[in-house]
Protein backbone atom coordinates (compact mmCIF):
# COMPACT_ATOMS: atom_id res chain seq x y z
CA MET A 1 -9.15 14.89 -49.18
CA PHE A 2 -9.15 11.57 -47.30
CA ILE A 3 -9.59 9.60 -50.54
CA TRP A 4 -6.34 11.07 -51.89
CA VAL A 5 -4.47 10.05 -48.77
CA LYS A 6 -5.79 6.50 -49.14
CA ARG A 7 -4.84 6.40 -52.82
CA LEU A 8 -1.39 7.72 -52.05
CA ALA A 9 -0.91 5.12 -49.29
CA VAL A 10 -2.03 2.30 -51.62
CA ALA A 11 0.26 3.58 -54.39
CA LEU A 12 3.17 3.72 -51.94
CA VAL A 13 2.56 0.15 -50.76
CA VAL A 14 2.26 -1.08 -54.36
CA PHE A 15 5.51 0.73 -55.26
CA ILE A 16 7.38 -0.81 -52.33
CA VAL A 17 6.10 -4.31 -53.14
CA VAL A 18 6.88 -4.03 -56.86
CA ALA A 19 10.28 -2.47 -56.09
CA GLN A 20 11.34 -5.68 -54.34
CA VAL A 21 11.56 -7.32 -57.77
CA ILE A 22 14.47 -5.05 -58.77
CA ARG A 23 17.36 -6.38 -56.71
CA PRO A 24 20.90 -5.09 -57.08
CA SER A 25 23.75 -7.52 -56.66
CA ARG A 26 25.03 -7.91 -53.11
CA ILE A 27 27.73 -10.42 -53.97
CA ASN A 28 31.25 -9.46 -52.97
CA PRO A 29 33.99 -10.14 -55.50
CA SER A 30 36.50 -12.71 -54.32
CA VAL A 31 39.31 -11.47 -52.12
CA ASP A 32 42.91 -12.39 -52.82
CA PRO A 33 44.95 -11.42 -49.72
CA ALA A 34 48.03 -10.96 -51.94
CA ARG A 35 46.25 -8.06 -53.71
CA GLU A 36 45.03 -6.27 -50.59
CA ILE A 37 46.61 -3.17 -49.14
CA GLY A 38 48.12 -5.14 -46.26
CA ALA A 39 50.13 -7.23 -48.72
CA THR A 40 52.12 -4.23 -49.99
CA ARG A 41 51.87 -1.76 -47.10
CA SER A 42 52.43 -2.43 -43.45
CA VAL A 43 49.08 -1.68 -41.81
CA SER A 44 49.16 -1.36 -38.04
CA PRO A 45 46.48 -3.21 -36.06
CA GLU A 46 44.98 0.17 -35.03
CA VAL A 47 44.64 1.34 -38.63
CA ALA A 48 43.34 -2.07 -39.75
CA ALA A 49 40.67 -1.88 -37.02
CA ILE A 50 39.64 1.62 -38.12
CA PHE A 51 39.43 0.51 -41.76
CA GLU A 52 37.39 -2.55 -40.81
CA ARG A 53 35.00 -0.54 -38.64
CA SER A 54 34.63 2.56 -40.81
CA CYS A 55 35.83 1.98 -44.38
CA ASN A 56 35.72 -1.61 -45.61
CA ASP A 57 31.98 -1.84 -46.23
CA CYS A 58 32.30 0.60 -49.13
CA HIS A 59 36.01 0.50 -49.95
CA SER A 60 36.82 -3.21 -50.10
CA ASN A 61 35.45 -6.49 -51.36
CA ARG A 62 34.67 -7.40 -47.75
CA THR A 63 31.33 -5.60 -47.57
CA VAL A 64 28.98 -6.75 -44.84
CA TRP A 65 25.43 -6.59 -46.19
CA PRO A 66 22.96 -6.07 -43.28
CA TRP A 67 19.35 -7.24 -43.64
CA TYR A 68 18.06 -3.83 -44.76
CA THR A 69 20.29 -3.96 -47.85
CA GLY A 70 17.87 -6.54 -49.22
CA VAL A 71 14.88 -4.19 -49.06
CA ALA A 72 14.22 -1.74 -51.90
CA PRO A 73 14.66 1.16 -52.27
CA VAL A 74 17.34 1.14 -49.54
CA SER A 75 19.06 -1.74 -51.34
CA TRP A 76 19.47 0.43 -54.44
CA LEU A 77 21.09 3.26 -52.49
CA VAL A 78 23.46 1.01 -50.55
CA ALA A 79 24.49 -0.96 -53.66
CA TYR A 80 25.16 2.33 -55.48
CA ASP A 81 27.27 3.66 -52.57
CA VAL A 82 29.30 0.44 -52.41
CA ARG A 83 29.82 0.42 -56.18
CA GLU A 84 30.98 4.05 -56.16
CA GLY A 85 33.12 3.56 -53.07
CA ARG A 86 34.93 0.62 -54.64
CA ARG A 87 35.38 2.60 -57.85
CA GLU A 88 37.03 5.46 -55.94
CA LEU A 89 39.19 3.26 -53.70
CA ASN A 90 39.26 -0.48 -53.14
CA PHE A 91 41.60 -1.74 -50.43
CA SER A 92 41.04 -5.29 -51.72
CA GLU A 93 42.40 -4.37 -55.16
CA TRP A 94 45.33 -2.24 -53.96
CA ASP A 95 47.88 -3.93 -56.23
CA ALA A 96 45.90 -2.81 -59.28
CA TYR A 97 46.86 0.82 -58.63
CA SER A 98 50.07 2.32 -59.96
CA SER A 99 52.52 3.77 -57.44
CA GLN A 100 51.36 7.29 -58.38
CA GLU A 101 47.72 6.34 -57.87
CA ARG A 102 48.58 4.82 -54.51
CA GLN A 103 50.28 8.03 -53.43
CA LYS A 104 47.23 10.09 -54.42
CA LEU A 105 44.83 7.65 -52.75
CA LEU A 106 46.78 7.67 -49.49
CA GLU A 107 46.78 11.47 -49.52
CA LYS A 108 43.06 11.49 -50.30
CA VAL A 109 42.30 9.10 -47.42
CA CYS A 110 43.89 11.48 -44.91
CA SER A 111 42.28 14.52 -46.52
CA GLU A 112 38.78 13.05 -46.52
CA VAL A 113 38.87 11.72 -42.97
CA SER A 114 40.37 15.02 -41.75
CA GLU A 115 37.60 17.01 -43.42
CA GLY A 116 34.92 14.68 -42.05
CA GLU A 117 33.86 13.54 -45.53
CA MET A 118 34.54 9.89 -44.72
CA PRO A 119 32.84 7.89 -43.57
CA GLY A 120 29.86 9.57 -45.15
CA LEU A 121 27.02 10.96 -43.07
CA PRO A 122 24.35 8.40 -44.10
CA TYR A 123 26.70 5.53 -43.26
CA SER A 124 27.68 7.10 -39.93
CA LEU A 125 24.03 7.61 -38.97
CA ILE A 126 23.21 3.95 -39.55
CA HIS A 127 26.55 2.73 -38.14
CA PRO A 128 27.43 5.00 -35.20
CA ARG A 129 30.54 2.91 -34.45
CA ALA A 130 31.96 3.98 -37.81
CA LYS A 131 32.31 7.62 -36.75
CA LEU A 132 35.95 8.60 -36.45
CA SER A 133 37.27 10.28 -33.35
CA ALA A 134 40.00 12.90 -33.54
CA ALA A 135 42.43 10.18 -32.39
CA ASP A 136 41.23 7.87 -35.21
CA VAL A 137 41.79 10.64 -37.77
CA GLN A 138 45.27 11.30 -36.40
CA THR A 139 46.10 7.57 -36.46
CA VAL A 140 44.96 7.21 -40.08
CA CYS A 141 46.75 10.37 -41.24
CA THR A 142 49.98 9.43 -39.49
CA TRP A 143 49.81 6.00 -41.10
CA THR A 144 49.06 7.40 -44.59
CA GLN A 145 52.00 9.80 -44.30
CA THR A 146 54.33 6.99 -43.23
CA ALA A 147 53.01 4.73 -46.02
CA ARG A 148 53.50 7.48 -48.61
CA GLU A 149 57.07 8.11 -47.47
CA ALA A 150 57.88 4.39 -47.50
CA ALA A 151 56.42 4.07 -51.00
CA LEU A 152 58.50 6.99 -52.24
CA LEU A 153 61.66 5.47 -50.82
CA GLN A 154 60.73 2.13 -52.37
CA THR A 155 60.23 3.64 -55.84
CA ARG A 156 63.59 5.40 -55.57
CA GLY A 157 65.22 2.11 -54.60
CA ILE A 158 66.35 3.34 -51.20
């Protein structure tokens, strides 16, 4: 029995060492402030702080890559989450979305923070500061509603 435990431990160490060779990209795309959400929508300092603390690592090109994101297999998981998060919503590429997409994304932001889906549980466990309070959720949802209404008025030319 003990020999199998030793073999398993050696295999695990070999896997972890070999896994370090496969490194996902941790390079953030360049950020053009004119394309970010703040360039087209008025973002209050409170909402901007919430986004920075709880959203931007996965939903912008301003990802902060802590040391553990360079260690496989954690690096693979984090890189995948960032890639998927940016695919779903990227605050740094806000001008690339049509007005209809923006409306849907703003609605989705409120919905997901209200339901506790964002920030995701793994991220919140590693980054306890990212957890949203009820007041944070209310602040974000109030802002998204105001932003949606302003966008509607803007598209109607009012």
